[in-house]
Amino acid sequence: MVAIRVIREEGADPLVPLPSYETAGAAGADVRANLPDGASVILQPGRRALIPTGLRIEIPQGFEVQVRPRSGLALKHGITLPNTPGTIDSDYRGPLGVIVMNAGQEPFEITHGERIAQLIVAPVVQAMFQDVEALTETDRGAGGFGSTGRS
């Protein structure tokens, strides 16, 4: 288990729960909106907004936190995250906000304390990029999008 240290932003509602896993087998911890004065945000179709969580997190070196949409919000309301998965690097200490987009047909109200996204803790491997004269050959070669056909 990896420990993620969390502090609340000044003025954040301390009654909004910290990110949590809702089931024993959950890969993602749900994170909640922590809106100023407990207000709500109406997100019109096609629009996006940065929703505050009221949190700052400390991720151990060698890990990242990925921010992903919640499938129920996506299916039922068209609510998604346009930069999925968003990455929070281990050296970032600023406020944790979630960019939320309404890809649905109706306005959607994001309420204070609502679960808006999920956080996935993942290991990071950094690579060394090497400038070379040629790449090894493969059966696929330079075949791009759709080059392997449909099955």
C-alpha atoms as a PDB file:
ATOM      1  CA  MET A   1       0.000   0.000   0.000  1.00  0.00           C
ATOM      2  CA  VAL A   2       1.228   3.497  -0.902  1.00  0.00           C
ATOM      3  CA  ALA A   3       0.607   6.406   1.472  1.00  0.00           C
ATOM      4  CA  ILE A   4      -0.640   9.632  -0.112  1.00  0.00           C
ATOM      5  CA  ARG A   5      -0.353  12.574   2.270  1.00  0.00           C
ATOM      6  CA  VAL A   6      -3.268  15.016   2.057  1.00  0.00           C
ATOM      7  CA  ILE A   7      -3.901  18.509   3.382  1.00  0.00           C
ATOM      8  CA  ARG A   8      -7.002  20.625   2.940  1.00  0.00           C
ATOM      9  CA  GLU A   9      -6.877  24.008   1.262  1.00  0.00           C
ATOM     10  CA  GLU A  10      -7.555  27.015   3.455  1.00  0.00           C
ATOM     11  CA  GLY A  11     -11.313  27.565   3.450  1.00  0.00           C
ATOM     12  CA  ALA A  12     -12.132  24.047   2.208  1.00  0.00           C
ATOM     13  CA  ASP A  13     -15.063  22.323   3.875  1.00  0.00           C
ATOM     14  CA  PRO A  14     -13.571  19.788   6.319  1.00  0.00           C
ATOM     15  CA  LEU A  15     -16.805  17.759   6.222  1.00  0.00           C
ATOM     16  CA  VAL A  16     -16.188  16.728   2.600  1.00  0.00           C
ATOM     17  CA  PRO A  17     -14.576  13.270   2.861  1.00  0.00           C
ATOM     18  CA  LEU A  18     -11.064  12.566   1.641  1.00  0.00           C
ATOM     19  CA  PRO A  19     -10.719  10.404  -1.490  1.00  0.00           C
ATOM     20  CA  SER A  20     -11.900   6.884  -0.718  1.00  0.00           C
ATOM     21  CA  TYR A  21     -12.305   3.471  -2.297  1.00  0.00           C
ATOM     22  CA  GLU A  22     -16.001   2.646  -2.316  1.00  0.00           C
ATOM     23  CA  THR A  23     -15.560  -1.146  -2.604  1.00  0.00           C
ATOM     24  CA  ALA A  24     -12.836  -3.591  -1.562  1.00  0.00           C
ATOM     25  CA  GLY A  25     -11.867  -4.262  -5.188  1.00  0.00           C
ATOM     26  CA  ALA A  26     -11.947  -0.656  -6.433  1.00  0.00           C
ATOM     27  CA  ALA A  27      -8.890   0.511  -8.380  1.00  0.00           C
ATOM     28  CA  GLY A  28      -9.882   4.173  -8.126  1.00  0.00           C
ATOM     29  CA  ALA A  29     -10.518   6.315  -5.074  1.00  0.00           C
ATOM     30  CA  ASP A  30     -13.458   8.667  -5.589  1.00  0.00           C
ATOM     31  CA  VAL A  31     -12.645  12.356  -5.136  1.00  0.00           C
ATOM     32  CA  ARG A  32     -15.322  14.932  -4.352  1.00  0.00           C
ATOM     33  CA  ALA A  33     -16.124  18.511  -5.299  1.00  0.00           C
ATOM     34  CA  ASN A  34     -15.359  20.987  -2.527  1.00  0.00           C
ATOM     35  CA  LEU A  35     -17.051  24.135  -3.770  1.00  0.00           C
ATOM     36  CA  PRO A  36     -16.756  27.581  -2.182  1.00  0.00           C
ATOM     37  CA  ASP A  37     -19.583  28.301   0.287  1.00  0.00           C
ATOM     38  CA  GLY A  38     -21.121  24.890  -0.498  1.00  0.00           C
ATOM     39  CA  ALA A  39     -22.500  26.255  -3.764  1.00  0.00           C
ATOM     40  CA  SER A  40     -23.095  24.172  -6.873  1.00  0.00           C
ATOM     41  CA  VAL A  41     -21.922  24.569 -10.472  1.00  0.00           C
ATOM     42  CA  ILE A  42     -24.249  24.224 -13.462  1.00  0.00           C
ATOM     43  CA  LEU A  43     -22.318  22.788 -16.377  1.00  0.00           C
ATOM     44  CA  GLN A  44     -24.012  23.486 -19.711  1.00  0.00           C
ATOM     45  CA  PRO A  45     -23.718  20.975 -22.603  1.00  0.00           C
ATOM     46  CA  GLY A  46     -20.361  21.283 -24.363  1.00  0.00           C
ATOM     47  CA  ARG A  47     -18.849  23.353 -21.547  1.00  0.00           C
ATOM     48  CA  ARG A  48     -16.083  22.507 -19.098  1.00  0.00           C
ATOM     49  CA  ALA A  49     -15.046  23.798 -15.692  1.00  0.00           C
ATOM     50  CA  LEU A  50     -12.240  23.354 -13.199  1.00  0.00           C
ATOM     51  CA  ILE A  51     -13.853  21.895 -10.092  1.00  0.00           C
ATOM     52  CA  PRO A  52     -11.909  22.301  -6.843  1.00  0.00           C
ATOM     53  CA  THR A  53     -11.480  19.396  -4.453  1.00  0.00           C
ATOM     54  CA  GLY A  54     -10.160  21.518  -1.596  1.00  0.00           C
ATOM     55  CA  LEU A  55      -7.126  19.229  -1.383  1.00  0.00           C
ATOM     56  CA  ARG A  56      -3.386  19.210  -1.951  1.00  0.00           C
ATOM     57  CA  ILE A  57      -1.630  15.867  -2.096  1.00  0.00           C
ATOM     58  CA  GLU A  58       1.910  14.556  -1.688  1.00  0.00           C
ATOM     59  CA  ILE A  59       2.661  11.613  -3.965  1.00  0.00           C
ATOM     60  CA  PRO A  60       5.777   9.552  -3.234  1.00  0.00           C
ATOM     61  CA  GLN A  61       8.558   9.753  -5.820  1.00  0.00           C
ATOM     62  CA  GLY A  62       8.241   6.932  -8.330  1.00  0.00           C
ATOM     63  CA  PHE A  63       4.441   7.229  -8.458  1.00  0.00           C
ATOM     64  CA  GLU A  64       1.810   9.371 -10.144  1.00  0.00           C
ATOM     65  CA  VAL A  65      -1.899   9.856  -9.543  1.00  0.00           C
ATOM     66  CA  GLN A  66      -4.103   9.532 -12.613  1.00  0.00           C
ATOM     67  CA  VAL A  67      -7.436  11.372 -12.648  1.00  0.00           C
ATOM     68  CA  ARG A  68     -10.166   9.505 -14.532  1.00  0.00           C
ATOM     69  CA  PRO A  69     -13.904   9.928 -15.134  1.00  0.00           C
ATOM     70  CA  ARG A  70     -16.529   8.068 -13.141  1.00  0.00           C
ATOM     71  CA  SER A  71     -18.299   5.648 -15.485  1.00  0.00           C
ATOM     72  CA  GLY A  72     -21.767   6.242 -14.042  1.00  0.00           C
ATOM     73  CA  LEU A  73     -21.570  10.003 -14.631  1.00  0.00           C
ATOM     74  CA  ALA A  74     -20.291   9.395 -18.164  1.00  0.00           C
ATOM     75  CA  LEU A  75     -23.016   6.904 -19.093  1.00  0.00           C
ATOM     76  CA  LYS A  76     -25.990   8.584 -17.422  1.00  0.00           C
ATOM     77  CA  HIS A  77     -25.135  12.256 -17.959  1.00  0.00           C
ATOM     78  CA  GLY A  78     -22.252  12.545 -20.454  1.00  0.00           C
ATOM     79  CA  ILE A  79     -19.960  13.956 -17.745  1.00  0.00           C
ATOM     80  CA  THR A  80     -16.319  13.243 -18.552  1.00  0.00           C
ATOM     81  CA  LEU A  81     -12.807  14.603 -18.118  1.00  0.00           C
ATOM     82  CA  PRO A  82     -11.382  16.012 -21.360  1.00  0.00           C
ATOM     83  CA  ASN A  83      -7.738  15.293 -20.484  1.00  0.00           C
ATOM     84  CA  THR A  84      -8.257  11.670 -19.455  1.00  0.00           C
ATOM     85  CA  PRO A  85      -6.252  10.376 -17.845  1.00  0.00           C
ATOM     86  CA  GLY A  86      -4.970  13.493 -16.189  1.00  0.00           C
ATOM     87  CA  THR A  87      -1.616  13.048 -14.486  1.00  0.00           C
ATOM     88  CA  ILE A  88      -0.553  14.497 -11.158  1.00  0.00           C
ATOM     89  CA  ASP A  89       3.229  14.296 -10.849  1.00  0.00           C
ATOM     90  CA  SER A  90       4.984  13.417  -7.607  1.00  0.00           C
ATOM     91  CA  ASP A  91       6.597  16.856  -7.350  1.00  0.00           C
ATOM     92  CA  TYR A  92       3.321  18.839  -7.689  1.00  0.00           C
ATOM     93  CA  ARG A  93       2.059  20.387  -4.454  1.00  0.00           C
ATOM     94  CA  GLY A  94      -0.612  22.773  -5.712  1.00  0.00           C
ATOM     95  CA  PRO A  95      -4.389  22.585  -5.405  1.00  0.00           C
ATOM     96  CA  LEU A  96      -6.042  19.469  -6.819  1.00  0.00           C
ATOM     97  CA  GLY A  97      -8.686  20.515  -9.327  1.00  0.00           C
ATOM     98  CA  VAL A  98     -10.592  18.334 -11.780  1.00  0.00           C
ATOM     99  CA  ILE A  99     -11.392  19.529 -15.314  1.00  0.00           C
ATOM    100  CA  VAL A 100     -14.966  18.324 -15.875  1.00  0.00           C
ATOM    101  CA  MET A 101     -16.793  18.496 -19.222  1.00  0.00           C
ATOM    102  CA  ASN A 102     -20.448  18.031 -20.064  1.00  0.00           C
ATOM    103  CA  ALA A 103     -20.587  15.965 -23.273  1.00  0.00           C
ATOM    104  CA  GLY A 104     -24.278  15.313 -22.661  1.00  0.00           C
ATOM    105  CA  GLN A 105     -27.389  17.025 -24.015  1.00  0.00           C
ATOM    106  CA  GLU A 106     -28.707  18.580 -20.779  1.00  0.00           C
ATOM    107  CA  PRO A 107     -27.251  20.964 -18.198  1.00  0.00           C
ATOM    108  CA  PHE A 108     -25.687  19.093 -15.259  1.00  0.00           C
ATOM    109  CA  GLU A 109     -25.432  20.345 -11.690  1.00  0.00           C
ATOM    110  CA  ILE A 110     -22.259  19.502  -9.795  1.00  0.00           C
ATOM    111  CA  THR A 111     -23.076  19.722  -6.116  1.00  0.00           C
ATOM    112  CA  HIS A 112     -20.820  20.341  -3.144  1.00  0.00           C
ATOM    113  CA  GLY A 113     -19.448  17.028  -1.864  1.00  0.00           C
ATOM    114  CA  GLU A 114     -20.413  15.089  -5.018  1.00  0.00           C
ATOM    115  CA  ARG A 115     -18.046  12.386  -6.273  1.00  0.00           C
ATOM    116  CA  ILE A 116     -16.718  13.831  -9.543  1.00  0.00           C
ATOM    117  CA  ALA A 117     -13.743  11.673 -10.560  1.00  0.00           C
ATOM    118  CA  GLN A 118     -11.556   8.809  -9.457  1.00  0.00           C
ATOM    119  CA  LEU A 119      -7.875   8.815  -8.553  1.00  0.00           C
ATOM    120  CA  ILE A 120      -5.613   5.935  -9.574  1.00  0.00           C
ATOM    121  CA  VAL A 121      -2.197   5.621  -7.927  1.00  0.00           C
ATOM    122  CA  ALA A 122       0.304   4.134 -10.397  1.00  0.00           C
ATOM    123  CA  PRO A 123       4.041   3.485 -10.539  1.00  0.00           C
ATOM    124  CA  VAL A 124       6.107   5.577 -12.940  1.00  0.00           C
ATOM    125  CA  VAL A 125       9.008   4.347 -15.030  1.00  0.00           C
ATOM    126  CA  GLN A 126      11.135   7.058 -16.604  1.00  0.00           C
ATOM    127  CA  ALA A 127      12.831   6.185 -19.883  1.00  0.00           C
ATOM    128  CA  MET A 128      16.068   7.271 -21.502  1.00  0.00           C
ATOM    129  CA  PHE A 129      15.324   8.399 -25.068  1.00  0.00           C
ATOM    130  CA  GLN A 130      18.140   7.520 -27.461  1.00  0.00           C
ATOM    131  CA  ASP A 131      18.820   9.031 -30.872  1.00  0.00           C
ATOM    132  CA  VAL A 132      19.580   6.079 -33.223  1.00  0.00           C
ATOM    133  CA  GLU A 133      20.111   5.520 -36.960  1.00  0.00           C
ATOM    134  CA  ALA A 134      17.396   2.819 -37.358  1.00  0.00           C
ATOM    135  CA  LEU A 135      14.659   0.957 -35.487  1.00  0.00           C
ATOM    136  CA  THR A 136      14.225  -2.805 -35.376  1.00  0.00           C
ATOM    137  CA  GLU A 137      11.830  -4.269 -37.957  1.00  0.00           C
ATOM    138  CA  THR A 138       8.419  -5.730 -36.987  1.00  0.00           C
ATOM    139  CA  ASP A 139       5.577  -7.423 -38.889  1.00  0.00           C
ATOM    140  CA  ARG A 140       3.426  -4.308 -38.460  1.00  0.00           C
ATOM    141  CA  GLY A 141       6.145  -1.875 -39.456  1.00  0.00           C
ATOM    142  CA  ALA A 142       4.852   1.667 -39.966  1.00  0.00           C
ATOM    143  CA  GLY A 143       1.183   0.599 -40.205  1.00  0.00           C
ATOM    144  CA  GLY A 144      -0.846   3.179 -38.322  1.00  0.00           C
ATOM    145  CA  PHE A 145      -4.438   3.640 -37.199  1.00  0.00           C
ATOM    146  CA  GLY A 146      -6.593   0.707 -38.248  1.00  0.00           C
ATOM    147  CA  SER A 147      -3.755  -1.082 -40.030  1.00  0.00           C
ATOM    148  CA  THR A 148      -4.403  -4.368 -38.204  1.00  0.00           C
ATOM    149  CA  GLY A 149      -8.005  -4.514 -39.480  1.00  0.00           C
ATOM    150  CA  ARG A 150     -11.186  -5.558 -37.693  1.00  0.00           C
ATOM    151  CA  SER A 151     -11.971  -8.936 -36.227  1.00  0.00           C
END
